[in-house]
């Protein structure tokens, strides 16, 4: 499966199959949340939350790819990511794009 954030793939003619997406909502456990709140007092990278968001993007991407594979897609083009706070210490990440099939393989 080819994943790109452009609306084309060089040398390929594409048949659009439709929108595909994947999402997840992630949160940290209370212990991690408390330790990260202390970090905000002195500044610096919140590594625990950074890892949470990286994991969330990976899960959302995997779910988007699964949806594209179910349509018989060869690739997903024009991929975008979005995130939003759902509640304190929880975030939703969504990955979406257009599933395509190659016309000239």
PDB file of N, CA and C in Angstrom:
ATOM      1  N   UNK A   1       0.863  -1.182   0.000  1.00  0.00           N
ATOM      2  CA  UNK A   1       0.000   0.000   0.000  1.00  0.00           C
ATOM      3  C   UNK A   1       0.901   1.234   0.000  1.00  0.00           C
ATOM      4  N   UNK A   2       0.680   2.106  -0.970  1.00  0.00           N
ATOM      5  CA  UNK A   2       1.424   3.351  -1.053  1.00  0.00           C
ATOM      6  C   UNK A   2       0.602   4.439  -0.361  1.00  0.00           C
ATOM      7  N   UNK A   3       1.255   5.207   0.510  1.00  0.00           N
ATOM      8  CA  UNK A   3       0.604   6.292   1.236  1.00  0.00           C
ATOM      9  C   UNK A   3       1.349   7.582   0.929  1.00  0.00           C
ATOM     10  N   UNK A   4       0.636   8.573   0.392  1.00  0.00           N
ATOM     11  CA  UNK A   4       1.261   9.861   0.068  1.00  0.00           C
ATOM     12  C   UNK A   4       0.344  11.019   0.462  1.00  0.00           C
ATOM     13  N   UNK A   5       0.961  12.177   0.683  1.00  0.00           N
ATOM     14  CA  UNK A   5       0.142  13.350   1.008  1.00  0.00           C
ATOM     15  C   UNK A   5      -0.062  14.258  -0.204  1.00  0.00           C
ATOM     16  N   UNK A   6       0.298  13.765  -1.389  1.00  0.00           N
ATOM     17  CA  UNK A   6       0.023  14.485  -2.632  1.00  0.00           C
ATOM     18  C   UNK A   6      -1.241  13.908  -3.253  1.00  0.00           C
ATOM     19  N   UNK A   7      -1.805  14.606  -4.248  1.00  0.00           N
ATOM     20  CA  UNK A   7      -3.027  14.096  -4.876  1.00  0.00           C
ATOM     21  C   UNK A   7      -2.722  13.282  -6.132  1.00  0.00           C
ATOM     22  N   UNK A   8      -1.465  12.885  -6.311  1.00  0.00           N
ATOM     23  CA  UNK A   8      -1.057  12.078  -7.456  1.00  0.00           C
ATOM     24  C   UNK A   8       0.120  11.188  -7.051  1.00  0.00           C
ATOM     25  N   UNK A   9       0.394  10.190  -7.888  1.00  0.00           N
ATOM     26  CA  UNK A   9       1.591   9.360  -7.748  1.00  0.00           C
ATOM     27  C   UNK A   9       2.248   9.362  -9.116  1.00  0.00           C
ATOM     28  N   UNK A  10       3.474   9.832  -9.173  1.00  0.00           N
ATOM     29  CA  UNK A  10       4.174   9.970 -10.457  1.00  0.00           C
ATOM     30  C   UNK A  10       4.149   8.662 -11.243  1.00  0.00           C
ATOM     31  N   UNK A  11       3.785   8.789 -12.529  1.00  0.00           N
ATOM     32  CA  UNK A  11       3.786   7.634 -13.428  1.00  0.00           C
ATOM     33  C   UNK A  11       2.589   6.724 -13.301  1.00  0.00           C
ATOM     34  N   UNK A  12       1.635   7.072 -12.456  1.00  0.00           N
ATOM     35  CA  UNK A  12       0.454   6.226 -12.260  1.00  0.00           C
ATOM     36  C   UNK A  12      -0.810   6.979 -12.637  1.00  0.00           C
ATOM     37  N   UNK A  13      -1.684   6.284 -13.342  1.00  0.00           N
ATOM     38  CA  UNK A  13      -3.018   6.817 -13.601  1.00  0.00           C
ATOM     39  C   UNK A  13      -3.926   6.230 -12.532  1.00  0.00           C
ATOM     40  N   UNK A  14      -4.713   7.081 -11.883  1.00  0.00           N
ATOM     41  CA  UNK A  14      -5.471   6.667 -10.710  1.00  0.00           C
ATOM     42  C   UNK A  14      -6.973   6.671 -10.945  1.00  0.00           C
ATOM     43  N   UNK A  15      -7.610   5.654 -10.413  1.00  0.00           N
ATOM     44  CA  UNK A  15      -9.074   5.604 -10.337  1.00  0.00           C
ATOM     45  C   UNK A  15      -9.438   5.813  -8.874  1.00  0.00           C
ATOM     46  N   UNK A  16     -10.206   6.856  -8.595  1.00  0.00           N
ATOM     47  CA  UNK A  16     -10.566   7.153  -7.214  1.00  0.00           C
ATOM     48  C   UNK A  16     -11.665   6.225  -6.738  1.00  0.00           C
ATOM     49  N   UNK A  17     -11.461   5.654  -5.553  1.00  0.00           N
ATOM     50  CA  UNK A  17     -12.433   4.734  -4.975  1.00  0.00           C
ATOM     51  C   UNK A  17     -13.280   5.394  -3.892  1.00  0.00           C
ATOM     52  N   UNK A  18     -12.732   6.411  -3.252  1.00  0.00           N
ATOM     53  CA  UNK A  18     -13.501   7.112  -2.230  1.00  0.00           C
ATOM     54  C   UNK A  18     -12.691   7.460  -1.000  1.00  0.00           C
ATOM     55  N   UNK A  19     -13.326   8.183  -0.108  1.00  0.00           N
ATOM     56  CA  UNK A  19     -12.721   8.628   1.137  1.00  0.00           C
ATOM     57  C   UNK A  19     -12.532   7.447   2.077  1.00  0.00           C
ATOM     58  N   UNK A  20     -11.363   7.394   2.702  1.00  0.00           N
ATOM     59  CA  UNK A  20     -11.104   6.409   3.751  1.00  0.00           C
ATOM     60  C   UNK A  20     -10.570   7.156   4.962  1.00  0.00           C
ATOM     61  N   UNK A  21     -10.858   6.617   6.140  1.00  0.00           N
ATOM     62  CA  UNK A  21     -10.403   7.274   7.355  1.00  0.00           C
ATOM     63  C   UNK A  21     -10.179   6.254   8.449  1.00  0.00           C
ATOM     64  N   UNK A  22      -9.418   6.671   9.422  1.00  0.00           N
ATOM     65  CA  UNK A  22      -9.197   5.868  10.615  1.00  0.00           C
ATOM     66  C   UNK A  22      -9.029   6.827  11.772  1.00  0.00           C
ATOM     67  N   UNK A  23      -9.503   6.436  12.946  1.00  0.00           N
ATOM     68  CA  UNK A  23      -9.374   7.329  14.090  1.00  0.00           C
ATOM     69  C   UNK A  23      -9.196   6.536  15.372  1.00  0.00           C
ATOM     70  N   UNK A  24      -8.744   7.230  16.383  1.00  0.00           N
ATOM     71  CA  UNK A  24      -8.614   6.655  17.712  1.00  0.00           C
ATOM     72  C   UNK A  24      -8.654   7.785  18.734  1.00  0.00           C
ATOM     73  N   UNK A  25      -9.040   7.452  19.939  1.00  0.00           N
ATOM     74  CA  UNK A  25      -8.975   8.384  21.061  1.00  0.00           C
ATOM     75  C   UNK A  25      -8.062   7.745  22.094  1.00  0.00           C
ATOM     76  N   UNK A  26      -7.050   8.483  22.489  1.00  0.00           N
ATOM     77  CA  UNK A  26      -6.050   7.979  23.423  1.00  0.00           C
ATOM     78  C   UNK A  26      -6.001   8.854  24.663  1.00  0.00           C
ATOM     79  N   UNK A  27      -5.640   8.236  25.794  1.00  0.00           N
ATOM     80  CA  UNK A  27      -5.406   8.991  27.025  1.00  0.00           C
ATOM     81  C   UNK A  27      -4.249   8.350  27.771  1.00  0.00           C
ATOM     82  N   UNK A  28      -3.712   9.067  28.719  1.00  0.00           N
ATOM     83  CA  UNK A  28      -2.629   8.556  29.553  1.00  0.00           C
ATOM     84  C   UNK A  28      -3.198   8.158  30.906  1.00  0.00           C
ATOM     85  N   UNK A  29      -2.527   7.202  31.554  1.00  0.00           N
ATOM     86  CA  UNK A  29      -2.990   6.810  32.882  1.00  0.00           C
ATOM     87  C   UNK A  29      -2.691   7.927  33.885  1.00  0.00           C
ATOM     88  N   UNK A  30      -3.369   7.907  34.990  1.00  0.00           N
ATOM     89  CA  UNK A  30      -3.326   9.009  35.957  1.00  0.00           C
ATOM     90  C   UNK A  30      -1.912   9.281  36.466  1.00  0.00           C
ATOM     91  N   UNK A  31      -1.111   8.243  36.679  1.00  0.00           N
ATOM     92  CA  UNK A  31       0.264   8.433  37.160  1.00  0.00           C
ATOM     93  C   UNK A  31       1.093   9.225  36.174  1.00  0.00           C
ATOM     94  N   UNK A  32       0.977   8.873  34.915  1.00  0.00           N
ATOM     95  CA  UNK A  32       1.714   9.585  33.873  1.00  0.00           C
ATOM     96  C   UNK A  32       1.198  11.010  33.745  1.00  0.00           C
ATOM     97  N   UNK A  33      -0.098  11.180  33.876  1.00  0.00           N
ATOM     98  CA  UNK A  33      -0.702  12.497  33.765  1.00  0.00           C
ATOM     99  C   UNK A  33      -0.188  13.423  34.865  1.00  0.00           C
ATOM    100  N   UNK A  34      -0.095  12.910  36.069  1.00  0.00           N
ATOM    101  CA  UNK A  34       0.393  13.709  37.193  1.00  0.00           C
ATOM    102  C   UNK A  34       1.856  14.081  36.991  1.00  0.00           C
ATOM    103  N   UNK A  35       2.677  13.111  36.583  1.00  0.00           N
ATOM    104  CA  UNK A  35       4.103  13.404  36.393  1.00  0.00           C
ATOM    105  C   UNK A  35       4.312  14.411  35.262  1.00  0.00           C
ATOM    106  N   UNK A  36       3.509  14.335  34.217  1.00  0.00           N
ATOM    107  CA  UNK A  36       3.640  15.284  33.121  1.00  0.00           C
ATOM    108  C   UNK A  36       3.168  16.677  33.527  1.00  0.00           C
ATOM    109  N   UNK A  37       2.203  16.764  34.442  1.00  0.00           N
ATOM    110  CA  UNK A  37       1.741  18.079  34.892  1.00  0.00           C
ATOM    111  C   UNK A  37       2.843  18.797  35.658  1.00  0.00           C
ATOM    112  N   UNK A  38       3.694  18.061  36.388  1.00  0.00           N
ATOM    113  CA  UNK A  38       4.836  18.684  37.055  1.00  0.00           C
ATOM    114  C   UNK A  38       5.837  19.223  36.038  1.00  0.00           C
ATOM    115  N   UNK A  39       5.974  18.546  34.920  1.00  0.00           N
ATOM    116  CA  UNK A  39       6.907  18.968  33.879  1.00  0.00           C
ATOM    117  C   UNK A  39       6.516  20.346  33.333  1.00  0.00           C
ATOM    118  N   UNK A  40       5.226  20.655  33.320  1.00  0.00           N
ATOM    119  CA  UNK A  40       4.790  21.955  32.805  1.00  0.00           C
ATOM    120  C   UNK A  40       5.267  23.105  33.679  1.00  0.00           C
ATOM    121  N   UNK A  41       5.635  22.815  34.929  1.00  0.00           N
ATOM    122  CA  UNK A  41       6.136  23.871  35.825  1.00  0.00           C
ATOM    123  C   UNK A  41       7.523  24.346  35.417  1.00  0.00           C
ATOM    124  N   UNK A  42       8.344  23.432  34.891  1.00  0.00           N
ATOM    125  CA  UNK A  42       9.724  23.788  34.540  1.00  0.00           C
ATOM    126  C   UNK A  42       9.935  23.886  33.037  1.00  0.00           C
ATOM    127  N   UNK A  43       8.984  23.419  32.258  1.00  0.00           N
ATOM    128  CA  UNK A  43       9.091  23.478  30.800  1.00  0.00           C
ATOM    129  C   UNK A  43       9.804  22.268  30.231  1.00  0.00           C
ATOM    130  N   UNK A  44       9.752  22.148  28.935  1.00  0.00           N
ATOM    131  CA  UNK A  44      10.400  21.038  28.255  1.00  0.00           C
ATOM    132  C   UNK A  44       9.398  20.144  27.556  1.00  0.00           C
ATOM    133  N   UNK A  45       9.936  19.151  26.888  1.00  0.00           N
ATOM    134  CA  UNK A  45       9.108  18.224  26.121  1.00  0.00           C
ATOM    135  C   UNK A  45       8.345  17.279  27.040  1.00  0.00           C
ATOM    136  N   UNK A  46       7.073  17.088  26.732  1.00  0.00           N
ATOM    137  CA  UNK A  46       6.233  16.136  27.467  1.00  0.00           C
ATOM    138  C   UNK A  46       6.311  14.801  26.734  1.00  0.00           C
ATOM    139  N   UNK A  47       7.353  14.048  27.021  1.00  0.00           N
ATOM    140  CA  UNK A  47       7.657  12.839  26.259  1.00  0.00           C
ATOM    141  C   UNK A  47       6.540  11.808  26.315  1.00  0.00           C
ATOM    142  N   UNK A  48       5.887  11.688  27.436  1.00  0.00           N
ATOM    143  CA  UNK A  48       4.804  10.715  27.562  1.00  0.00           C
ATOM    144  C   UNK A  48       3.651  11.049  26.613  1.00  0.00           C
ATOM    145  N   UNK A  49       3.313  12.341  26.528  1.00  0.00           N
ATOM    146  CA  UNK A  49       2.240  12.755  25.618  1.00  0.00           C
ATOM    147  C   UNK A  49       2.684  12.692  24.162  1.00  0.00           C
ATOM    148  N   UNK A  50       3.940  12.983  23.926  1.00  0.00           N
ATOM    149  CA  UNK A  50       4.480  12.864  22.576  1.00  0.00           C
ATOM    150  C   UNK A  50       4.347  11.420  22.096  1.00  0.00           C
ATOM    151  N   UNK A  51       4.698  10.470  22.947  1.00  0.00           N
ATOM    152  CA  UNK A  51       4.577   9.053  22.596  1.00  0.00           C
ATOM    153  C   UNK A  51       3.115   8.661  22.390  1.00  0.00           C
ATOM    154  N   UNK A  52       2.225   9.192  23.237  1.00  0.00           N
ATOM    155  CA  UNK A  52       0.801   8.907  23.096  1.00  0.00           C
ATOM    156  C   UNK A  52       0.297   9.360  21.726  1.00  0.00           C
ATOM    157  N   UNK A  53       0.706  10.556  21.293  1.00  0.00           N
ATOM    158  CA  UNK A  53       0.253  11.063  20.007  1.00  0.00           C
ATOM    159  C   UNK A  53       0.871  10.279  18.847  1.00  0.00           C
ATOM    160  N   UNK A  54       2.127   9.888  18.961  1.00  0.00           N
ATOM    161  CA  UNK A  54       2.746   9.050  17.928  1.00  0.00           C
ATOM    162  C   UNK A  54       2.013   7.721  17.794  1.00  0.00           C
ATOM    163  N   UNK A  55       1.687   7.117  18.929  1.00  0.00           N
ATOM    164  CA  UNK A  55       0.940   5.851  18.913  1.00  0.00           C
ATOM    165  C   UNK A  55      -0.442   6.043  18.297  1.00  0.00           C
ATOM    166  N   UNK A  56      -1.095   7.138  18.646  1.00  0.00           N
ATOM    167  CA  UNK A  56      -2.433   7.426  18.113  1.00  0.00           C
ATOM    168  C   UNK A  56      -2.388   7.604  16.599  1.00  0.00           C
ATOM    169  N   UNK A  57      -1.386   8.315  16.080  1.00  0.00           N
ATOM    170  CA  UNK A  57      -1.267   8.485  14.624  1.00  0.00           C
ATOM    171  C   UNK A  57      -1.042   7.148  13.936  1.00  0.00           C
ATOM    172  N   UNK A  58      -0.235   6.286  14.546  1.00  0.00           N
ATOM    173  CA  UNK A  58       0.028   4.964  13.960  1.00  0.00           C
ATOM    174  C   UNK A  58      -1.247   4.120  13.917  1.00  0.00           C
ATOM    175  N   UNK A  59      -2.024   4.149  14.983  1.00  0.00           N
ATOM    176  CA  UNK A  59      -3.278   3.390  15.031  1.00  0.00           C
ATOM    177  C   UNK A  59      -4.265   3.935  13.996  1.00  0.00           C
ATOM    178  N   UNK A  60      -4.410   5.250  13.928  1.00  0.00           N
ATOM    179  CA  UNK A  60      -5.338   5.865  12.975  1.00  0.00           C
ATOM    180  C   UNK A  60      -4.930   5.534  11.541  1.00  0.00           C
ATOM    181  N   UNK A  61      -3.627   5.573  11.257  1.00  0.00           N
ATOM    182  CA  UNK A  61      -3.137   5.243   9.916  1.00  0.00           C
ATOM    183  C   UNK A  61      -3.438   3.790   9.584  1.00  0.00           C
ATOM    184  N   UNK A  62      -3.198   2.893  10.522  1.00  0.00           N
ATOM    185  CA  UNK A  62      -3.457   1.465  10.306  1.00  0.00           C
ATOM    186  C   UNK A  62      -4.937   1.220  10.005  1.00  0.00           C
ATOM    187  N   UNK A  63      -5.810   1.889  10.705  1.00  0.00           N
ATOM    188  CA  UNK A  63      -7.258   1.736  10.477  1.00  0.00           C
ATOM    189  C   UNK A  63      -7.669   2.312   9.130  1.00  0.00           C
ATOM    190  N   UNK A  64      -7.052   3.422   8.723  1.00  0.00           N
ATOM    191  CA  UNK A  64      -7.334   4.003   7.413  1.00  0.00           C
ATOM    192  C   UNK A  64      -6.896   3.044   6.308  1.00  0.00           C
ATOM    193  N   UNK A  65      -5.706   2.461   6.450  1.00  0.00           N
ATOM    194  CA  UNK A  65      -5.194   1.515   5.460  1.00  0.00           C
ATOM    195  C   UNK A  65      -6.103   0.291   5.376  1.00  0.00           C
ATOM    196  N   UNK A  66      -6.577  -0.206   6.496  1.00  0.00           N
ATOM    197  CA  UNK A  66      -7.482  -1.358   6.494  1.00  0.00           C
ATOM    198  C   UNK A  66      -8.765  -1.049   5.722  1.00  0.00           C
ATOM    199  N   UNK A  67      -9.282   0.157   5.886  1.00  0.00           N
ATOM    200  CA  UNK A  67     -10.487   0.568   5.153  1.00  0.00           C
ATOM    201  C   UNK A  67     -10.199   0.639   3.650  1.00  0.00           C
ATOM    202  N   UNK A  68      -9.016   1.149   3.294  1.00  0.00           N
ATOM    203  CA  UNK A  68      -8.631   1.232   1.879  1.00  0.00           C
ATOM    204  C   UNK A  68      -8.449  -0.164   1.281  1.00  0.00           C
ATOM    205  N   UNK A  69      -7.822  -1.065   2.018  1.00  0.00           N
ATOM    206  CA  UNK A  69      -7.630  -2.438   1.536  1.00  0.00           C
ATOM    207  C   UNK A  69      -8.969  -3.131   1.312  1.00  0.00           C
ATOM    208  N   UNK A  70      -9.947  -2.855   2.160  1.00  0.00           N
ATOM    209  CA  UNK A  70     -11.280  -3.446   2.001  1.00  0.00           C
ATOM    210  C   UNK A  70     -11.947  -2.991   0.708  1.00  0.00           C
ATOM    211  N   UNK A  71     -11.559  -1.812   0.208  1.00  0.00           N
ATOM    212  CA  UNK A  71     -12.091  -1.306  -1.062  1.00  0.00           C
ATOM    213  C   UNK A  71     -11.285  -1.813  -2.263  1.00  0.00           C
ATOM    214  N   UNK A  72     -10.178  -2.525  -1.989  1.00  0.00           N
ATOM    215  CA  UNK A  72      -9.321  -2.997  -3.066  1.00  0.00           C
ATOM    216  C   UNK A  72      -8.340  -1.959  -3.564  1.00  0.00           C
ATOM    217  N   UNK A  73      -8.010  -0.993  -2.739  1.00  0.00           N
ATOM    218  CA  UNK A  73      -7.128   0.110  -3.138  1.00  0.00           C
ATOM    219  C   UNK A  73      -5.672  -0.342  -3.255  1.00  0.00           C
ATOM    220  N   UNK A  74      -4.946   0.327  -4.140  1.00  0.00           N
ATOM    221  CA  UNK A  74      -3.505   0.146  -4.262  1.00  0.00           C
ATOM    222  C   UNK A  74      -2.747   1.209  -3.472  1.00  0.00           C
ATOM    223  N   UNK A  75      -3.412   2.327  -3.186  1.00  0.00           N
ATOM    224  CA  UNK A  75      -2.757   3.441  -2.504  1.00  0.00           C
ATOM    225  C   UNK A  75      -3.802   4.341  -1.857  1.00  0.00           C
ATOM    226  N   UNK A  76      -3.316   5.220  -0.990  1.00  0.00           N
ATOM    227  CA  UNK A  76      -4.143   6.290  -0.435  1.00  0.00           C
ATOM    228  C   UNK A  76      -3.386   7.582  -0.711  1.00  0.00           C
ATOM    229  N   UNK A  77      -4.060   8.506  -1.375  1.00  0.00           N
ATOM    230  CA  UNK A  77      -3.438   9.792  -1.714  1.00  0.00           C
ATOM    231  C   UNK A  77      -4.084  10.912  -0.902  1.00  0.00           C
ATOM    232  N   UNK A  78      -3.384  12.048  -0.898  1.00  0.00           N
ATOM    233  CA  UNK A  78      -3.880  13.245  -0.224  1.00  0.00           C
ATOM    234  C   UNK A  78      -4.180  12.992   1.257  1.00  0.00           C
ATOM    235  N   UNK A  79      -3.293  12.265   1.926  1.00  0.00           N
ATOM    236  CA  UNK A  79      -3.490  11.921   3.337  1.00  0.00           C
ATOM    237  C   UNK A  79      -3.319  13.155   4.212  1.00  0.00           C
ATOM    238  N   UNK A  80      -4.220  13.278   5.163  1.00  0.00           N
ATOM    239  CA  UNK A  80      -4.177  14.365   6.136  1.00  0.00           C
ATOM    240  C   UNK A  80      -4.412  13.783   7.532  1.00  0.00           C
ATOM    241  N   UNK A  81      -3.912  14.492   8.529  1.00  0.00           N
ATOM    242  CA  UNK A  81      -4.114  14.124   9.929  1.00  0.00           C
ATOM    243  C   UNK A  81      -4.739  15.302  10.649  1.00  0.00           C
ATOM    244  N   UNK A  82      -5.566  14.994  11.620  1.00  0.00           N
ATOM    245  CA  UNK A  82      -6.171  16.022  12.443  1.00  0.00           C
ATOM    246  C   UNK A  82      -6.250  15.490  13.865  1.00  0.00           C
ATOM    247  N   UNK A  83      -6.154  16.387  14.824  1.00  0.00           N
ATOM    248  CA  UNK A  83      -6.303  15.959  16.215  1.00  0.00           C
ATOM    249  C   UNK A  83      -7.137  16.985  16.963  1.00  0.00           C
ATOM    250  N   UNK A  84      -7.758  16.513  18.024  1.00  0.00           N
ATOM    251  CA  UNK A  84      -8.592  17.391  18.843  1.00  0.00           C
ATOM    252  C   UNK A  84      -8.601  16.862  20.266  1.00  0.00           C
ATOM    253  N   UNK A  85      -8.630  17.779  21.213  1.00  0.00           N
ATOM    254  CA  UNK A  85      -8.766  17.393  22.615  1.00  0.00           C
ATOM    255  C   UNK A  85     -10.213  16.981  22.857  1.00  0.00           C
ATOM    256  N   UNK A  86     -10.395  15.830  23.447  1.00  0.00           N
ATOM    257  CA  UNK A  86     -11.740  15.331  23.748  1.00  0.00           C
ATOM    258  C   UNK A  86     -12.117  15.707  25.183  1.00  0.00           C
ATOM    259  N   UNK A  87     -11.158  15.550  26.065  1.00  0.00           N
ATOM    260  CA  UNK A  87     -11.298  15.930  27.463  1.00  0.00           C
ATOM    261  C   UNK A  87      -9.881  16.121  27.995  1.00  0.00           C
ATOM    262  N   UNK A  88      -9.733  16.520  29.224  1.00  0.00           N
ATOM    263  CA  UNK A  88      -8.387  16.708  29.774  1.00  0.00           C
ATOM    264  C   UNK A  88      -7.613  15.392  29.673  1.00  0.00           C
ATOM    265  N   UNK A  89      -6.438  15.436  29.087  1.00  0.00           N
ATOM    266  CA  UNK A  89      -5.525  14.295  28.951  1.00  0.00           C
ATOM    267  C   UNK A  89      -5.989  13.243  27.949  1.00  0.00           C
ATOM    268  N   UNK A  90      -6.932  13.563  27.089  1.00  0.00           N
ATOM    269  CA  UNK A  90      -7.363  12.631  26.047  1.00  0.00           C
ATOM    270  C   UNK A  90      -7.462  13.377  24.725  1.00  0.00           C
ATOM    271  N   UNK A  91      -7.018  12.713  23.672  1.00  0.00           N
ATOM    272  CA  UNK A  91      -7.035  13.344  22.354  1.00  0.00           C
ATOM    273  C   UNK A  91      -7.502  12.354  21.301  1.00  0.00           C
ATOM    274  N   UNK A  92      -8.227  12.881  20.320  1.00  0.00           N
ATOM    275  CA  UNK A  92      -8.621  12.086  19.164  1.00  0.00           C
ATOM    276  C   UNK A  92      -7.670  12.427  18.021  1.00  0.00           C
ATOM    277  N   UNK A  93      -7.246  11.403  17.297  1.00  0.00           N
ATOM    278  CA  UNK A  93      -6.465  11.600  16.084  1.00  0.00           C
ATOM    279  C   UNK A  93      -7.214  10.911  14.959  1.00  0.00           C
ATOM    280  N   UNK A  94      -7.366  11.609  13.837  1.00  0.00           N
ATOM    281  CA  UNK A  94      -8.000  11.027  12.665  1.00  0.00           C
ATOM    282  C   UNK A  94      -7.045  11.167  11.478  1.00  0.00           C
ATOM    283  N   UNK A  95      -6.944  10.097  10.717  1.00  0.00           N
ATOM    284  CA  UNK A  95      -6.179  10.096   9.463  1.00  0.00           C
ATOM    285  C   UNK A  95      -7.196   9.869   8.354  1.00  0.00           C
ATOM    286  N   UNK A  96      -7.095  10.643   7.271  1.00  0.00           N
ATOM    287  CA  UNK A  96      -8.038  10.461   6.170  1.00  0.00           C
ATOM    288  C   UNK A  96      -7.360  10.773   4.851  1.00  0.00           C
ATOM    289  N   UNK A  97      -7.892  10.185   3.796  1.00  0.00           N
ATOM    290  CA  UNK A  97      -7.358  10.395   2.462  1.00  0.00           C
ATOM    291  C   UNK A  97      -8.286   9.764   1.431  1.00  0.00           C
ATOM    292  N   UNK A  98      -7.805   9.731   0.196  1.00  0.00           N
ATOM    293  CA  UNK A  98      -8.591   9.158  -0.899  1.00  0.00           C
ATOM    294  C   UNK A  98      -7.977   7.837  -1.325  1.00  0.00           C
ATOM    295  N   UNK A  99      -8.767   6.772  -1.255  1.00  0.00           N
ATOM    296  CA  UNK A  99      -8.325   5.463  -1.711  1.00  0.00           C
ATOM    297  C   UNK A  99      -8.356   5.449  -3.238  1.00  0.00           C
ATOM    298  N   UNK A 100      -7.291   4.914  -3.848  1.00  0.00           N
ATOM    299  CA  UNK A 100      -7.206   4.859  -5.304  1.00  0.00           C
ATOM    300  C   UNK A 100      -6.724   3.487  -5.760  1.00  0.00           C
ATOM    301  N   UNK A 101      -7.070   3.189  -6.997  1.00  0.00           N
ATOM    302  CA  UNK A 101      -6.611   1.970  -7.661  1.00  0.00           C
ATOM    303  C   UNK A 101      -5.807   2.414  -8.873  1.00  0.00           C
ATOM    304  N   UNK A 102      -4.712   1.689  -9.150  1.00  0.00           N
ATOM    305  CA  UNK A 102      -3.895   2.010 -10.318  1.00  0.00           C
ATOM    306  C   UNK A 102      -4.571   1.486 -11.569  1.00  0.00           C
ATOM    307  N   UNK A 103      -4.673   2.338 -12.579  1.00  0.00           N
ATOM    308  CA  UNK A 103      -5.248   1.922 -13.859  1.00  0.00           C
ATOM    309  C   UNK A 103      -4.166   1.267 -14.716  1.00  0.00           C
ATOM    310  N   UNK A 104      -2.953   1.810 -14.693  1.00  0.00           N
ATOM    311  CA  UNK A 104      -1.838   1.243 -15.448  1.00  0.00           C
ATOM    312  C   UNK A 104      -0.779   0.737 -14.469  1.00  0.00           C
ATOM    313  N   UNK A 105      -0.861  -0.520 -14.122  1.00  0.00           N
ATOM    314  CA  UNK A 105       0.057  -1.069 -13.107  1.00  0.00           C
ATOM    315  C   UNK A 105       1.432  -1.211 -13.627  1.00  0.00           C
TER     316      UNK A 105
END
